[in-house]
Amino acid sequence: MTERVICESSNGDVWLLSRDPVSKMPAVKHRPNVSSGGGSSYTEIGNFLRNGANGPEHQALLHLIGTLLDG
């Protein structure tokens, strides 16, 4: 598995658990909706969670991490 969808917004933005192509470290990849015209960006997981942990994409990542601990 190279990427896993964390969250998809109603406007078409997608957040994925991925790897930063430069550092090769785990990261959150944000793929904006097509109409925004922007390119994908990568954020280190710790920075992603520190910068807005109350958003649905942040909560979805925390939930995904929590599933790794379930018995």
PDB file of N, CA and C in Angstrom:
ATOM      1  N   MET A   1       0.854  -1.181   0.000  1.00  0.00           N
ATOM      2  CA  MET A   1       0.000   0.000   0.000  1.00  0.00           C
ATOM      3  C   MET A   1       0.894   1.237   0.000  1.00  0.00           C
ATOM      4  N   THR A   2       0.662   2.133  -0.920  1.00  0.00           N
ATOM      5  CA  THR A   2       1.460   3.348  -0.969  1.00  0.00           C
ATOM      6  C   THR A   2       0.744   4.542  -0.356  1.00  0.00           C
ATOM      7  N   GLU A   3      -0.580   4.547  -0.403  1.00  0.00           N
ATOM      8  CA  GLU A   3      -1.361   5.632   0.193  1.00  0.00           C
ATOM      9  C   GLU A   3      -2.672   5.062   0.710  1.00  0.00           C
ATOM     10  N   ARG A   4      -3.207   5.726   1.722  1.00  0.00           N
ATOM     11  CA  ARG A   4      -4.499   5.324   2.267  1.00  0.00           C
ATOM     12  C   ARG A   4      -5.325   6.576   2.511  1.00  0.00           C
ATOM     13  N   VAL A   5      -6.551   6.579   2.026  1.00  0.00           N
ATOM     14  CA  VAL A   5      -7.439   7.730   2.198  1.00  0.00           C
ATOM     15  C   VAL A   5      -7.766   7.884   3.676  1.00  0.00           C
ATOM     16  N   ILE A   6      -7.570   9.098   4.160  1.00  0.00           N
ATOM     17  CA  ILE A   6      -7.929   9.442   5.538  1.00  0.00           C
ATOM     18  C   ILE A   6      -9.319  10.052   5.565  1.00  0.00           C
ATOM     19  N   CYS A   7      -9.540  11.013   4.662  1.00  0.00           N
ATOM     20  CA  CYS A   7     -10.783  11.777   4.689  1.00  0.00           C
ATOM     21  C   CYS A   7     -11.032  12.397   3.318  1.00  0.00           C
ATOM     22  N   GLU A   8     -12.303  12.455   2.921  1.00  0.00           N
ATOM     23  CA  GLU A   8     -12.707  13.156   1.701  1.00  0.00           C
ATOM     24  C   GLU A   8     -13.768  14.168   2.077  1.00  0.00           C
ATOM     25  N   SER A   9     -13.582  15.416   1.676  1.00  0.00           N
ATOM     26  CA  SER A   9     -14.554  16.457   2.012  1.00  0.00           C
ATOM     27  C   SER A   9     -15.646  16.512   0.948  1.00  0.00           C
ATOM     28  N   SER A  10     -16.730  17.169   1.292  1.00  0.00           N
ATOM     29  CA  SER A  10     -17.853  17.291   0.357  1.00  0.00           C
ATOM     30  C   SER A  10     -17.496  18.139  -0.863  1.00  0.00           C
ATOM     31  N   ASN A  11     -16.451  18.978  -0.754  1.00  0.00           N
ATOM     32  CA  ASN A  11     -16.065  19.808  -1.896  1.00  0.00           C
ATOM     33  C   ASN A  11     -15.021  19.131  -2.791  1.00  0.00           C
ATOM     34  N   GLY A  12     -14.614  17.908  -2.428  1.00  0.00           N
ATOM     35  CA  GLY A  12     -13.699  17.162  -3.279  1.00  0.00           C
ATOM     36  C   GLY A  12     -12.254  17.116  -2.824  1.00  0.00           C
ATOM     37  N   ASP A  13     -11.913  17.809  -1.726  1.00  0.00           N
ATOM     38  CA  ASP A  13     -10.558  17.695  -1.182  1.00  0.00           C
ATOM     39  C   ASP A  13     -10.375  16.292  -0.611  1.00  0.00           C
ATOM     40  N   VAL A  14      -9.149  15.769  -0.721  1.00  0.00           N
ATOM     41  CA  VAL A  14      -8.846  14.440  -0.188  1.00  0.00           C
ATOM     42  C   VAL A  14      -7.550  14.528   0.618  1.00  0.00           C
ATOM     43  N   TRP A  15      -7.542  13.874   1.777  1.00  0.00           N
ATOM     44  CA  TRP A  15      -6.341  13.751   2.598  1.00  0.00           C
ATOM     45  C   TRP A  15      -5.977  12.280   2.643  1.00  0.00           C
ATOM     46  N   LEU A  16      -4.697  11.996   2.447  1.00  0.00           N
ATOM     47  CA  LEU A  16      -4.236  10.617   2.409  1.00  0.00           C
ATOM     48  C   LEU A  16      -3.036  10.429   3.324  1.00  0.00           C
ATOM     49  N   LEU A  17      -2.944   9.253   3.938  1.00  0.00           N
ATOM     50  CA  LEU A  17      -1.731   8.881   4.634  1.00  0.00           C
ATOM     51  C   LEU A  17      -0.780   8.401   3.556  1.00  0.00           C
ATOM     52  N   SER A  18       0.386   8.994   3.489  1.00  0.00           N
ATOM     53  CA  SER A  18       1.297   8.762   2.377  1.00  0.00           C
ATOM     54  C   SER A  18       2.731   8.876   2.875  1.00  0.00           C
ATOM     55  N   ARG A  19       3.660   9.016   1.953  1.00  0.00           N
ATOM     56  CA  ARG A  19       5.058   9.309   2.276  1.00  0.00           C
ATOM     57  C   ARG A  19       5.464  10.557   1.511  1.00  0.00           C
ATOM     58  N   ASP A  20       6.180  11.423   2.190  1.00  0.00           N
ATOM     59  CA  ASP A  20       6.723  12.594   1.531  1.00  0.00           C
ATOM     60  C   ASP A  20       7.720  12.112   0.479  1.00  0.00           C
ATOM     61  N   PRO A  21       7.581  12.573  -0.760  1.00  0.00           N
ATOM     62  CA  PRO A  21       8.461  12.070  -1.817  1.00  0.00           C
ATOM     63  C   PRO A  21       9.922  12.469  -1.646  1.00  0.00           C
ATOM     64  N   VAL A  22      10.192  13.504  -0.865  1.00  0.00           N
ATOM     65  CA  VAL A  22      11.575  13.954  -0.654  1.00  0.00           C
ATOM     66  C   VAL A  22      12.194  13.247   0.547  1.00  0.00           C
ATOM     67  N   SER A  23      11.535  13.331   1.700  1.00  0.00           N
ATOM     68  CA  SER A  23      12.105  12.771   2.927  1.00  0.00           C
ATOM     69  C   SER A  23      11.820  11.282   3.087  1.00  0.00           C
ATOM     70  N   LYS A  24      10.818  10.786   2.382  1.00  0.00           N
ATOM     71  CA  LYS A  24      10.358   9.387   2.491  1.00  0.00           C
ATOM     72  C   LYS A  24       9.723   9.074   3.845  1.00  0.00           C
ATOM     73  N   MET A  25       9.494  10.083   4.657  1.00  0.00           N
ATOM     74  CA  MET A  25       8.863   9.910   5.958  1.00  0.00           C
ATOM     75  C   MET A  25       7.345   9.885   5.799  1.00  0.00           C
ATOM     76  N   PRO A  26       6.641   9.198   6.726  1.00  0.00           N
ATOM     77  CA  PRO A  26       5.180   9.222   6.674  1.00  0.00           C
ATOM     78  C   PRO A  26       4.676  10.666   6.746  1.00  0.00           C
ATOM     79  N   ALA A  27       3.654  10.943   5.969  1.00  0.00           N
ATOM     80  CA  ALA A  27       3.116  12.304   5.898  1.00  0.00           C
ATOM     81  C   ALA A  27       1.655  12.253   5.497  1.00  0.00           C
ATOM     82  N   VAL A  28       0.992  13.382   5.672  1.00  0.00           N
ATOM     83  CA  VAL A  28      -0.371  13.547   5.180  1.00  0.00           C
ATOM     84  C   VAL A  28      -0.280  14.293   3.857  1.00  0.00           C
ATOM     85  N   LYS A  29      -0.842  13.703   2.837  1.00  0.00           N
ATOM     86  CA  LYS A  29      -0.894  14.320   1.510  1.00  0.00           C
ATOM     87  C   LYS A  29      -2.272  14.945   1.347  1.00  0.00           C
ATOM     88  N   HIS A  30      -2.303  16.222   1.006  1.00  0.00           N
ATOM     89  CA  HIS A  30      -3.564  16.903   0.729  1.00  0.00           C
ATOM     90  C   HIS A  30      -3.675  17.074  -0.777  1.00  0.00           C
ATOM     91  N   ARG A  31      -4.741  16.517  -1.326  1.00  0.00           N
ATOM     92  CA  ARG A  31      -5.015  16.654  -2.757  1.00  0.00           C
ATOM     93  C   ARG A  31      -6.256  17.536  -2.884  1.00  0.00           C
ATOM     94  N   PRO A  32      -6.067  18.811  -3.255  1.00  0.00           N
ATOM     95  CA  PRO A  32      -7.215  19.723  -3.331  1.00  0.00           C
ATOM     96  C   PRO A  32      -8.157  19.345  -4.464  1.00  0.00           C
ATOM     97  N   ASN A  33      -9.367  19.854  -4.367  1.00  0.00           N
ATOM     98  CA  ASN A  33     -10.342  19.561  -5.416  1.00  0.00           C
ATOM     99  C   ASN A  33      -9.892  20.145  -6.747  1.00  0.00           C
ATOM    100  N   VAL A  34     -10.410  19.587  -7.811  1.00  0.00           N
ATOM    101  CA  VAL A  34      -9.982  19.953  -9.156  1.00  0.00           C
ATOM    102  C   VAL A  34     -10.208  21.433  -9.445  1.00  0.00           C
ATOM    103  N   SER A  35     -11.315  21.990  -8.979  1.00  0.00           N
ATOM    104  CA  SER A  35     -11.633  23.387  -9.292  1.00  0.00           C
ATOM    105  C   SER A  35     -10.668  24.379  -8.642  1.00  0.00           C
ATOM    106  N   SER A  36      -9.972  23.969  -7.579  1.00  0.00           N
ATOM    107  CA  SER A  36      -9.033  24.896  -6.935  1.00  0.00           C
ATOM    108  C   SER A  36      -7.760  25.061  -7.754  1.00  0.00           C
ATOM    109  N   GLY A  37      -7.460  24.073  -8.580  1.00  0.00           N
ATOM    110  CA  GLY A  37      -6.303  24.174  -9.459  1.00  0.00           C
ATOM    111  C   GLY A  37      -4.963  23.988  -8.787  1.00  0.00           C
ATOM    112  N   GLY A  38      -4.975  23.767  -7.472  1.00  0.00           N
ATOM    113  CA  GLY A  38      -3.710  23.608  -6.758  1.00  0.00           C
ATOM    114  C   GLY A  38      -3.177  22.191  -6.848  1.00  0.00           C
ATOM    115  N   GLY A  39      -1.893  22.053  -6.571  1.00  0.00           N
ATOM    116  CA  GLY A  39      -1.264  20.743  -6.565  1.00  0.00           C
ATOM    117  C   GLY A  39      -1.286  20.131  -5.174  1.00  0.00           C
ATOM    118  N   SER A  40      -0.933  18.881  -5.100  1.00  0.00           N
ATOM    119  CA  SER A  40      -0.875  18.173  -3.827  1.00  0.00           C
ATOM    120  C   SER A  40       0.244  18.728  -2.952  1.00  0.00           C
ATOM    121  N   SER A  41       0.030  18.659  -1.640  1.00  0.00           N
ATOM    122  CA  SER A  41       1.054  19.078  -0.690  1.00  0.00           C
ATOM    123  C   SER A  41       1.197  18.009   0.374  1.00  0.00           C
ATOM    124  N   TYR A  42       2.366  17.969   1.000  1.00  0.00           N
ATOM    125  CA  TYR A  42       2.675  16.981   2.030  1.00  0.00           C
ATOM    126  C   TYR A  42       2.980  17.697   3.333  1.00  0.00           C
ATOM    127  N   THR A  43       2.455  17.150   4.430  1.00  0.00           N
ATOM    128  CA  THR A  43       2.704  17.703   5.755  1.00  0.00           C
ATOM    129  C   THR A  43       3.100  16.572   6.690  1.00  0.00           C
ATOM    130  N   GLU A  44       4.179  16.767   7.432  1.00  0.00           N
ATOM    131  CA  GLU A  44       4.601  15.785   8.430  1.00  0.00           C
ATOM    132  C   GLU A  44       3.441  15.563   9.393  1.00  0.00           C
ATOM    133  N   ILE A  45       3.253  14.328   9.830  1.00  0.00           N
ATOM    134  CA  ILE A  45       2.074  13.959  10.622  1.00  0.00           C
ATOM    135  C   ILE A  45       1.958  14.786  11.893  1.00  0.00           C
ATOM    136  N   GLY A  46       3.037  14.971  12.627  1.00  0.00           N
ATOM    137  CA  GLY A  46       2.983  15.763  13.854  1.00  0.00           C
ATOM    138  C   GLY A  46       2.547  17.191  13.593  1.00  0.00           C
ATOM    139  N   ASN A  47       3.097  17.815  12.573  1.00  0.00           N
ATOM    140  CA  ASN A  47       2.697  19.183  12.216  1.00  0.00           C
ATOM    141  C   ASN A  47       1.242  19.234  11.802  1.00  0.00           C
ATOM    142  N   PHE A  48       0.797  18.239  11.046  1.00  0.00           N
ATOM    143  CA  PHE A  48      -0.599  18.185  10.608  1.00  0.00           C
ATOM    144  C   PHE A  48      -1.535  18.167  11.812  1.00  0.00           C
ATOM    145  N   LEU A  49      -1.224  17.329  12.802  1.00  0.00           N
ATOM    146  CA  LEU A  49      -2.091  17.220  13.974  1.00  0.00           C
ATOM    147  C   LEU A  49      -2.006  18.446  14.877  1.00  0.00           C
ATOM    148  N   ARG A  50      -0.849  19.064  14.977  1.00  0.00           N
ATOM    149  CA  ARG A  50      -0.704  20.276  15.810  1.00  0.00           C
ATOM    150  C   ARG A  50      -1.440  21.466  15.205  1.00  0.00           C
ATOM    151  N   ASN A  51      -1.557  21.507  13.896  1.00  0.00           N
ATOM    152  CA  ASN A  51      -2.134  22.667  13.212  1.00  0.00           C
ATOM    153  C   ASN A  51      -3.601  22.467  12.876  1.00  0.00           C
ATOM    154  N   GLY A  52      -4.407  22.112  13.858  1.00  0.00           N
ATOM    155  CA  GLY A  52      -5.839  22.046  13.622  1.00  0.00           C
ATOM    156  C   GLY A  52      -6.465  20.711  13.919  1.00  0.00           C
ATOM    157  N   ALA A  53      -6.133  20.113  15.036  1.00  0.00           N
ATOM    158  CA  ALA A  53      -6.582  18.759  15.345  1.00  0.00           C
ATOM    159  C   ALA A  53      -8.092  18.615  15.518  1.00  0.00           C
ATOM    160  N   ASN A  54      -8.852  19.681  15.350  1.00  0.00           N
ATOM    161  CA  ASN A  54     -10.299  19.564  15.504  1.00  0.00           C
ATOM    162  C   ASN A  54     -11.032  19.400  14.177  1.00  0.00           C
ATOM    163  N   GLY A  55     -10.321  19.474  13.069  1.00  0.00           N
ATOM    164  CA  GLY A  55     -10.970  19.295  11.771  1.00  0.00           C
ATOM    165  C   GLY A  55     -11.303  17.828  11.530  1.00  0.00           C
ATOM    166  N   PRO A  56     -12.273  17.549  10.666  1.00  0.00           N
ATOM    167  CA  PRO A  56     -12.648  16.156  10.407  1.00  0.00           C
ATOM    168  C   PRO A  56     -11.498  15.324   9.843  1.00  0.00           C
ATOM    169  N   GLU A  57     -10.621  15.939   9.056  1.00  0.00           N
ATOM    170  CA  GLU A  57      -9.485  15.201   8.508  1.00  0.00           C
ATOM    171  C   GLU A  57      -8.489  14.828   9.608  1.00  0.00           C
ATOM    172  N   HIS A  58      -8.363  15.689  10.619  1.00  0.00           N
ATOM    173  CA  HIS A  58      -7.476  15.410  11.748  1.00  0.00           C
ATOM    174  C   HIS A  58      -8.061  14.294  12.616  1.00  0.00           C
ATOM    175  N   GLN A  59      -9.353  14.393  12.874  1.00  0.00           N
ATOM    176  CA  GLN A  59     -10.019  13.365  13.667  1.00  0.00           C
ATOM    177  C   GLN A  59      -9.973  12.009  12.962  1.00  0.00           C
ATOM    178  N   ALA A  60     -10.106  12.006  11.645  1.00  0.00           N
ATOM    179  CA  ALA A  60     -10.048  10.755  10.885  1.00  0.00           C
ATOM    180  C   ALA A  60      -8.661  10.131  10.967  1.00  0.00           C
ATOM    181  N   LEU A  61      -7.605  10.952  10.944  1.00  0.00           N
ATOM    182  CA  LEU A  61      -6.254  10.420  11.079  1.00  0.00           C
ATOM    183  C   LEU A  61      -6.054   9.829  12.476  1.00  0.00           C
ATOM    184  N   LEU A  62      -6.520  10.520  13.502  1.00  0.00           N
ATOM    185  CA  LEU A  62      -6.403   9.992  14.858  1.00  0.00           C
ATOM    186  C   LEU A  62      -7.156   8.667  14.988  1.00  0.00           C
ATOM    187  N   HIS A  63      -8.317   8.575  14.369  1.00  0.00           N
ATOM    188  CA  HIS A  63      -9.083   7.322  14.392  1.00  0.00           C
ATOM    189  C   HIS A  63      -8.308   6.210  13.695  1.00  0.00           C
ATOM    190  N   LEU A  64      -7.726   6.518  12.533  1.00  0.00           N
ATOM    191  CA  LEU A  64      -6.938   5.527  11.806  1.00  0.00           C
ATOM    192  C   LEU A  64      -5.764   5.043  12.655  1.00  0.00           C
ATOM    193  N   ILE A  65      -5.071   5.953  13.288  1.00  0.00           N
ATOM    194  CA  ILE A  65      -3.965   5.570  14.159  1.00  0.00           C
ATOM    195  C   ILE A  65      -4.467   4.694  15.302  1.00  0.00           C
ATOM    196  N   GLY A  66      -5.623   5.023  15.859  1.00  0.00           N
ATOM    197  CA  GLY A  66      -6.204   4.241  16.946  1.00  0.00           C
ATOM    198  C   GLY A  66      -6.534   2.818  16.531  1.00  0.00           C
ATOM    199  N   THR A  67      -6.891   2.608  15.284  1.00  0.00           N
ATOM    200  CA  THR A  67      -7.221   1.250  14.847  1.00  0.00           C
ATOM    201  C   THR A  67      -5.990   0.347  14.848  1.00  0.00           C
ATOM    202  N   LEU A  68      -4.807   0.929  14.804  1.00  0.00           N
ATOM    203  CA  LEU A  68      -3.583   0.128  14.846  1.00  0.00           C
ATOM    204  C   LEU A  68      -3.380  -0.496  16.228  1.00  0.00           C
ATOM    205  N   LEU A  69      -4.051   0.064  17.244  1.00  0.00           N
ATOM    206  CA  LEU A  69      -3.881  -0.401  18.608  1.00  0.00           C
ATOM    207  C   LEU A  69      -4.958  -1.389  19.039  1.00  0.00           C
ATOM    208  N   ASP A  70      -6.034  -1.490  18.280  1.00  0.00           N
ATOM    209  CA  ASP A  70      -7.124  -2.394  18.654  1.00  0.00           C
ATOM    210  C   ASP A  70      -6.652  -3.837  18.553  1.00  0.00           C
ATOM    211  N   GLY A  71      -7.090  -4.643  19.539  1.00  0.00           N
ATOM    212  CA  GLY A  71      -6.635  -6.002  19.707  1.00  0.00           C
ATOM    213  C   GLY A  71      -7.002  -6.969  18.661  1.00  0.00           C
TER     214      GLY A  71
END
